[in-house]
């Protein structure tokens, strides 16, 4: 009766020998019907083999080592782990490992009760994506950017490394929406996002933090290096972002404000404030340019731009609200 109950269970059940006579490791001696349904193996295909046949390239080796150590120690353990079915497709399971002592008290076998949680893991991944990814551009969102800024700032302070931050804004974006509608505006935003991805370094962090506003976090870059990157970013937006319509082509420009980490006591919110002030200056100076806040000179005051603004940020083209070819 007990075997019938186990065989009718919805969870996969596998029983294995510990250090079998045939060699070191574990050897499967029993699987139930749910095991075959979840993993695609008939019982006679796995009995006598190692449970390692369920592991694959993304299976966590540390978790496997932990489970093995606990099993050999005669204790129970419950973990979530990635396995693979017979066809090679990933199967996430919550596995509960239970030692099975014999009549003499020696533990020579264990049972693994595995619940398929693949759909739950996928749902969790989708929720995480919604929490940290901008749905339109697939870039990081504000929440992820703020967490990354704090992490990179802590790292830069600990290792005494430079760190630059830029805030970019699409010039006169409201005119795009007003003239051609929000669907075209969305295409422009998406185009700018793709341009940013192609223009920065692989380890830079790009995020969309507002309607037409983006941030670029540049680990290891001081103001001079950051200025070169952001100049290139804005130039690429100007030359590559093109939305083709039946009657015209829509192109846009960007304004950017750039700052860098200053001192061990600097904070993420201060860097954001300085970059935002620099952006304000770039817009007031005519847009389509990069302004730099030299944080080493002045990091005080919240009332507006002060002497630390570097107004010599180069304007690279005429200020054209929406350029139409």
Protein backbone atom coordinates (compact mmCIF):
# COMPACT_ATOMS: atom_id res chain seq x y z
CA UNK A 1 0.00 0.00 0.00
CA UNK A 2 2.82 2.42 0.87
CA UNK A 3 4.43 1.93 -2.52
CA UNK A 4 1.08 2.57 -4.22
CA UNK A 5 0.66 5.83 -2.30
CA UNK A 6 4.15 6.98 -3.31
CA UNK A 7 3.60 5.99 -6.90
CA UNK A 8 0.36 8.01 -7.08
CA UNK A 9 1.95 11.13 -5.56
CA UNK A 10 2.18 14.33 -7.63
CA UNK A 11 5.77 14.95 -6.54
CA UNK A 12 8.69 13.02 -7.96
CA UNK A 13 10.19 10.52 -5.52
CA UNK A 14 13.61 9.03 -6.00
CA UNK A 15 15.38 6.64 -3.63
CA UNK A 16 19.13 6.20 -3.93
CA UNK A 17 21.84 4.21 -2.21
CA UNK A 18 24.71 6.02 -0.53
CA UNK A 19 28.13 4.65 -1.48
CA UNK A 20 26.76 1.52 -3.18
CA UNK A 21 28.89 -1.55 -3.56
CA UNK A 22 29.25 -0.87 -7.28
CA UNK A 23 31.29 2.27 -6.66
CA UNK A 24 31.45 5.63 -4.85
CA UNK A 25 28.65 8.17 -4.99
CA UNK A 26 24.92 7.56 -5.17
CA UNK A 27 22.93 5.01 -7.18
CA UNK A 28 19.22 5.26 -7.96
CA UNK A 29 17.22 2.24 -6.87
CA UNK A 30 13.64 3.52 -7.19
CA UNK A 31 11.59 6.24 -8.91
CA UNK A 32 7.84 6.79 -8.91
CA UNK A 33 5.49 7.62 -11.77
CA UNK A 34 5.68 11.37 -11.13
CA UNK A 35 9.46 11.20 -11.60
CA UNK A 36 8.92 9.78 -15.08
CA UNK A 37 6.26 12.39 -15.85
CA UNK A 38 8.41 15.33 -14.73
CA UNK A 39 11.80 14.23 -16.05
CA UNK A 40 10.81 12.01 -18.98
CA UNK A 41 12.82 8.97 -17.88
CA UNK A 42 11.24 5.56 -17.46
CA UNK A 43 12.27 3.81 -14.24
CA UNK A 44 14.40 1.24 -16.05
CA UNK A 45 16.35 4.07 -17.71
CA UNK A 46 17.57 5.51 -14.42
CA UNK A 47 17.69 2.64 -11.91
CA UNK A 48 21.32 1.78 -11.31
CA UNK A 49 22.54 5.20 -12.51
CA UNK A 50 23.73 8.24 -10.60
CA UNK A 51 21.29 11.09 -9.84
CA UNK A 52 23.83 13.29 -11.61
CA UNK A 53 22.11 12.42 -14.89
CA UNK A 54 19.58 15.13 -13.95
CA UNK A 55 22.25 17.83 -13.67
CA UNK A 56 23.23 20.20 -16.45
CA UNK A 57 25.35 23.23 -17.32
CA UNK A 58 23.40 25.66 -15.13
CA UNK A 59 22.95 23.37 -12.12
CA UNK A 60 24.52 25.06 -9.09
CA UNK A 61 27.65 23.09 -8.17
CA UNK A 62 27.76 24.64 -4.70
CA UNK A 63 24.24 23.41 -3.95
CA UNK A 64 25.13 19.91 -5.17
CA UNK A 65 28.17 19.83 -2.90
CA UNK A 66 26.10 21.05 0.04
CA UNK A 67 23.44 18.38 -0.54
CA UNK A 68 26.09 15.66 -0.85
CA UNK A 69 27.77 16.70 2.39
CA UNK A 70 24.47 16.78 4.29
CA UNK A 71 23.38 13.39 2.93
CA UNK A 72 26.68 11.78 3.91
CA UNK A 73 26.25 13.34 7.33
CA UNK A 74 22.90 11.66 7.76
CA UNK A 75 20.80 14.84 7.90
CA UNK A 76 17.86 16.21 5.95
CA UNK A 77 18.07 19.21 3.64
CA UNK A 78 15.68 21.17 1.46
CA UNK A 79 16.87 23.28 -1.46
CA UNK A 80 15.73 24.67 -4.80
CA UNK A 81 17.84 23.44 -7.66
CA UNK A 82 17.87 23.41 -11.44
CA UNK A 83 17.69 19.95 -13.01
CA UNK A 84 17.18 18.87 -16.62
CA UNK A 85 14.73 16.42 -18.12
CA UNK A 86 15.53 13.72 -20.67
CA UNK A 87 15.03 16.16 -23.55
CA UNK A 88 17.51 18.59 -22.01
CA UNK A 89 14.94 21.16 -20.96
CA UNK A 90 15.46 22.86 -17.56
CA UNK A 91 13.26 21.82 -14.66
CA UNK A 92 13.38 23.77 -11.40
CA UNK A 93 12.53 21.66 -8.35
CA UNK A 94 12.18 22.15 -4.64
CA UNK A 95 13.92 19.02 -3.40
CA UNK A 96 13.61 17.63 0.11
CA UNK A 97 16.34 15.09 0.91
CA UNK A 98 15.43 12.64 3.69
CA UNK A 99 17.87 9.99 5.07
CA UNK A 100 16.49 6.46 5.36
CA UNK A 101 18.13 4.53 8.22
CA UNK A 102 18.12 0.76 8.10
CA UNK A 103 17.11 -1.63 10.89
CA UNK A 104 20.58 -1.30 12.38
CA UNK A 105 20.36 2.50 12.39
CA UNK A 106 22.93 2.90 9.62
CA UNK A 107 21.95 5.31 6.84
CA UNK A 108 22.61 3.66 3.51
CA UNK A 109 19.81 5.20 1.49
CA UNK A 110 18.03 8.51 1.09
CA UNK A 111 14.81 9.67 -0.54
CA UNK A 112 14.60 12.81 -2.68
CA UNK A 113 11.10 14.27 -2.89
CA UNK A 114 11.06 16.77 -5.76
CA UNK A 115 8.31 19.26 -6.53
CA UNK A 116 8.30 20.87 -9.97
CA UNK A 117 8.40 24.66 -9.41
CA UNK A 118 9.44 25.67 -12.94
CA UNK A 119 6.36 27.83 -13.48
CA UNK A 120 6.86 29.53 -10.12
CA UNK A 121 10.48 30.35 -10.96
CA UNK A 122 9.45 31.78 -14.33
CA UNK A 123 6.77 33.88 -12.65
CA UNK A 124 9.27 35.15 -10.09
CA UNK A 125 11.66 36.05 -12.92
CA UNK A 126 8.89 37.96 -14.68
CA UNK A 127 8.06 39.86 -11.49
CA UNK A 128 11.73 40.66 -10.99
CA UNK A 129 11.94 41.93 -14.55
CA UNK A 130 8.92 44.16 -13.95
CA UNK A 131 10.58 45.48 -10.81
CA UNK A 132 13.93 46.33 -12.40
CA UNK A 133 13.45 46.63 -16.18
CA UNK A 134 11.83 49.42 -18.17
CA UNK A 135 9.14 47.71 -20.28
CA UNK A 136 9.54 49.93 -23.36
CA UNK A 137 13.31 49.95 -23.79
CA UNK A 138 14.28 46.83 -21.80
CA UNK A 139 16.92 48.97 -20.11
CA UNK A 140 17.28 49.10 -16.35
CA UNK A 141 14.70 51.29 -14.63
CA UNK A 142 15.16 53.93 -11.93
CA UNK A 143 14.97 51.42 -9.09
CA UNK A 144 17.73 49.24 -10.52
CA UNK A 145 19.85 52.27 -11.39
CA UNK A 146 19.68 53.64 -7.84
CA UNK A 147 20.73 50.29 -6.40
CA UNK A 148 23.57 49.99 -8.92
CA UNK A 149 24.73 53.54 -8.18
CA UNK A 150 25.00 52.78 -4.46
CA UNK A 151 26.85 49.54 -5.15
CA UNK A 152 29.30 51.11 -7.61
CA UNK A 153 29.83 54.15 -5.39
CA UNK A 154 30.69 51.92 -2.43
CA UNK A 155 33.09 49.95 -4.60
CA UNK A 156 34.73 53.09 -5.97
CA UNK A 157 35.19 54.51 -2.47
CA UNK A 158 36.60 51.26 -1.14
CA UNK A 159 39.10 50.86 -3.98
CA UNK A 160 39.73 54.59 -4.55
CA UNK A 161 38.47 54.43 -8.13
CA UNK A 162 36.86 57.16 -10.24
CA UNK A 163 33.15 57.01 -11.05
CA UNK A 164 31.19 59.26 -13.38
CA UNK A 165 27.46 59.77 -13.81
CA UNK A 166 25.56 61.38 -16.67
CA UNK A 167 21.89 62.25 -17.04
CA UNK A 168 20.64 62.59 -20.63
CA UNK A 169 17.42 64.09 -21.88
CA UNK A 170 15.94 64.01 -25.40
CA UNK A 171 15.69 67.61 -26.56
CA UNK A 172 12.18 68.96 -27.17
CA UNK A 173 10.69 65.49 -26.91
CA UNK A 174 7.24 66.93 -26.22
CA UNK A 175 7.23 68.33 -29.75
CA UNK A 176 7.73 64.82 -31.13
CA UNK A 177 4.70 63.54 -29.25
CA UNK A 178 2.59 66.60 -30.10
CA UNK A 179 3.42 66.51 -33.82
CA UNK A 180 3.54 62.78 -34.57
CA UNK A 181 1.86 61.12 -31.59
CA UNK A 182 2.98 58.95 -28.72
CA UNK A 183 3.59 55.78 -30.79
CA UNK A 184 6.27 57.66 -32.76
CA UNK A 185 7.58 59.08 -29.49
CA UNK A 186 7.94 55.54 -28.18
CA UNK A 187 9.90 54.58 -31.28
CA UNK A 188 12.22 57.53 -30.71
CA UNK A 189 12.77 56.53 -27.08
CA UNK A 190 13.47 52.96 -28.11
CA UNK A 191 15.88 54.17 -30.78
CA UNK A 192 17.77 56.32 -28.27
CA UNK A 193 17.99 53.37 -25.90
CA UNK A 194 19.48 51.16 -28.62
CA UNK A 195 21.94 53.88 -29.56
CA UNK A 196 23.07 54.21 -25.94
CA UNK A 197 23.64 50.46 -25.67
CA UNK A 198 25.88 50.53 -28.74
CA UNK A 199 27.80 53.64 -27.67
CA UNK A 200 28.90 52.82 -24.12
CA UNK A 201 31.26 50.24 -22.67
CA UNK A 202 30.01 46.76 -21.81
CA UNK A 203 30.32 47.34 -18.05
CA UNK A 204 28.55 50.73 -17.99
CA UNK A 205 25.01 50.87 -16.59
CA UNK A 206 22.32 52.53 -18.70
CA UNK A 207 18.85 53.17 -17.32
CA UNK A 208 15.68 54.92 -18.35
CA UNK A 209 14.61 56.89 -15.29
CA UNK A 210 11.81 59.00 -16.76
CA UNK A 211 9.76 59.63 -19.87
CA UNK A 212 12.63 60.84 -22.07
CA UNK A 213 15.38 60.83 -19.46
CA UNK A 214 18.25 58.35 -19.22
CA UNK A 215 21.24 57.83 -16.95
CA UNK A 216 24.65 56.44 -17.80
CA UNK A 217 26.85 55.24 -14.94
CA UNK A 218 30.54 54.99 -15.88
CA UNK A 219 32.63 52.92 -13.42
CA UNK A 220 36.34 53.70 -13.58
CA UNK A 221 35.85 56.90 -15.57
CA UNK A 222 36.92 60.31 -14.32
CA UNK A 223 35.45 63.53 -15.72
CA UNK A 224 37.73 63.59 -18.77
CA UNK A 225 37.05 59.96 -19.68
CA UNK A 226 33.36 60.37 -18.90
CA UNK A 227 33.16 63.45 -21.10
CA UNK A 228 34.61 61.54 -24.04
CA UNK A 229 32.08 58.74 -23.60
CA UNK A 230 29.07 61.04 -23.25
CA UNK A 231 30.19 63.23 -26.18
CA UNK A 232 30.24 60.06 -28.27
CA UNK A 233 26.88 58.93 -26.91
CA UNK A 234 25.19 62.22 -27.83
CA UNK A 235 26.86 62.29 -31.25
CA UNK A 236 25.64 58.76 -31.96
CA UNK A 237 22.07 59.68 -30.96
CA UNK A 238 22.20 62.65 -33.30
CA UNK A 239 23.42 60.61 -36.27
CA UNK A 240 21.86 57.18 -35.81
CA UNK A 241 18.40 57.65 -34.27
CA UNK A 242 16.07 57.96 -37.22
CA UNK A 243 12.38 57.14 -37.30
CA UNK A 244 11.26 56.77 -40.90
CA UNK A 245 7.74 57.97 -41.65
CA UNK A 246 5.97 57.95 -44.99
CA UNK A 247 6.39 61.71 -45.42
CA UNK A 248 9.57 62.43 -43.45
CA UNK A 249 12.33 61.18 -41.16
CA UNK A 250 12.36 62.17 -37.49
CA UNK A 251 15.72 62.69 -35.80
CA UNK A 252 16.50 64.07 -32.36
CA UNK A 253 19.35 65.39 -30.23
CA UNK A 254 20.22 64.97 -26.57
CA UNK A 255 21.40 67.21 -23.77
CA UNK A 256 23.52 65.72 -21.01
CA UNK A 257 24.83 66.63 -17.59
CA UNK A 258 27.95 64.90 -16.28
CA UNK A 259 29.58 64.70 -12.86
CA UNK A 260 32.04 62.46 -11.03
CA UNK A 261 32.59 61.08 -7.58
CA UNK A 262 34.38 63.45 -5.22
CA UNK A 263 35.93 62.15 -2.05
CA UNK A 264 35.20 59.32 0.34
CA UNK A 265 32.14 61.08 1.79
CA UNK A 266 30.30 61.50 -1.50
CA UNK A 267 26.79 60.11 -1.78
CA UNK A 268 24.64 58.85 -4.63
CA UNK A 269 21.92 61.46 -4.17
CA UNK A 270 24.55 64.22 -4.34
CA UNK A 271 25.93 62.82 -7.59
CA UNK A 272 22.43 62.71 -9.06
CA UNK A 273 21.84 66.33 -7.97
CA UNK A 274 25.09 67.51 -9.55
CA UNK A 275 24.39 65.68 -12.81
CA UNK A 276 20.88 67.10 -12.87
CA UNK A 277 22.26 70.62 -12.40
CA UNK A 278 24.68 70.03 -15.25
CA UNK A 279 21.77 68.91 -17.43
CA UNK A 280 19.93 72.09 -16.49
CA UNK A 281 22.94 74.11 -17.62
CA UNK A 282 23.20 72.22 -20.92
CA UNK A 283 19.57 72.98 -21.67
CA UNK A 284 19.91 76.66 -20.72
CA UNK A 285 23.01 76.92 -22.91
CA UNK A 286 21.01 75.88 -25.97
CA UNK A 287 20.60 72.10 -25.69
CA UNK A 288 22.32 69.51 -27.89
CA UNK A 289 25.45 69.60 -25.75
CA UNK A 290 27.17 68.14 -22.69
CA UNK A 291 27.71 70.21 -19.54
CA UNK A 292 30.07 69.07 -16.79
CA UNK A 293 29.81 69.70 -13.06
CA UNK A 294 33.30 69.79 -11.60
CA UNK A 295 32.48 68.33 -8.20
CA UNK A 296 35.97 69.07 -6.88
CA UNK A 297 35.22 72.81 -6.99
CA UNK A 298 31.78 73.06 -5.48
CA UNK A 299 29.30 70.56 -4.08
CA UNK A 300 27.14 72.89 -2.02
CA UNK A 301 23.79 74.54 -2.39
CA UNK A 302 20.48 73.38 -3.79
CA UNK A 303 19.20 76.64 -5.23
CA UNK A 304 20.56 76.27 -8.73
CA UNK A 305 23.75 76.27 -10.76
CA UNK A 306 26.77 77.89 -9.12
CA UNK A 307 30.39 78.54 -10.05
CA UNK A 308 31.07 74.85 -10.38
CA UNK A 309 29.17 74.66 -13.66
CA UNK A 310 31.50 74.30 -16.58
CA UNK A 311 29.72 76.26 -19.27
CA UNK A 312 32.47 75.52 -21.78
CA UNK A 313 30.78 72.25 -22.61
CA UNK A 314 30.97 72.02 -26.38
CA UNK A 315 27.87 72.53 -28.47
CA UNK A 316 28.27 70.28 -31.46
CA UNK A 317 25.39 71.49 -33.64
CA UNK A 318 22.71 74.08 -33.97
CA UNK A 319 19.85 73.77 -31.48
CA UNK A 320 17.19 72.15 -33.65
CA UNK A 321 14.07 71.11 -31.64
CA UNK A 322 13.13 68.30 -34.00
CA UNK A 323 15.25 67.79 -37.05
CA UNK A 324 13.38 66.64 -40.14
CA UNK A 325 15.29 65.39 -43.15
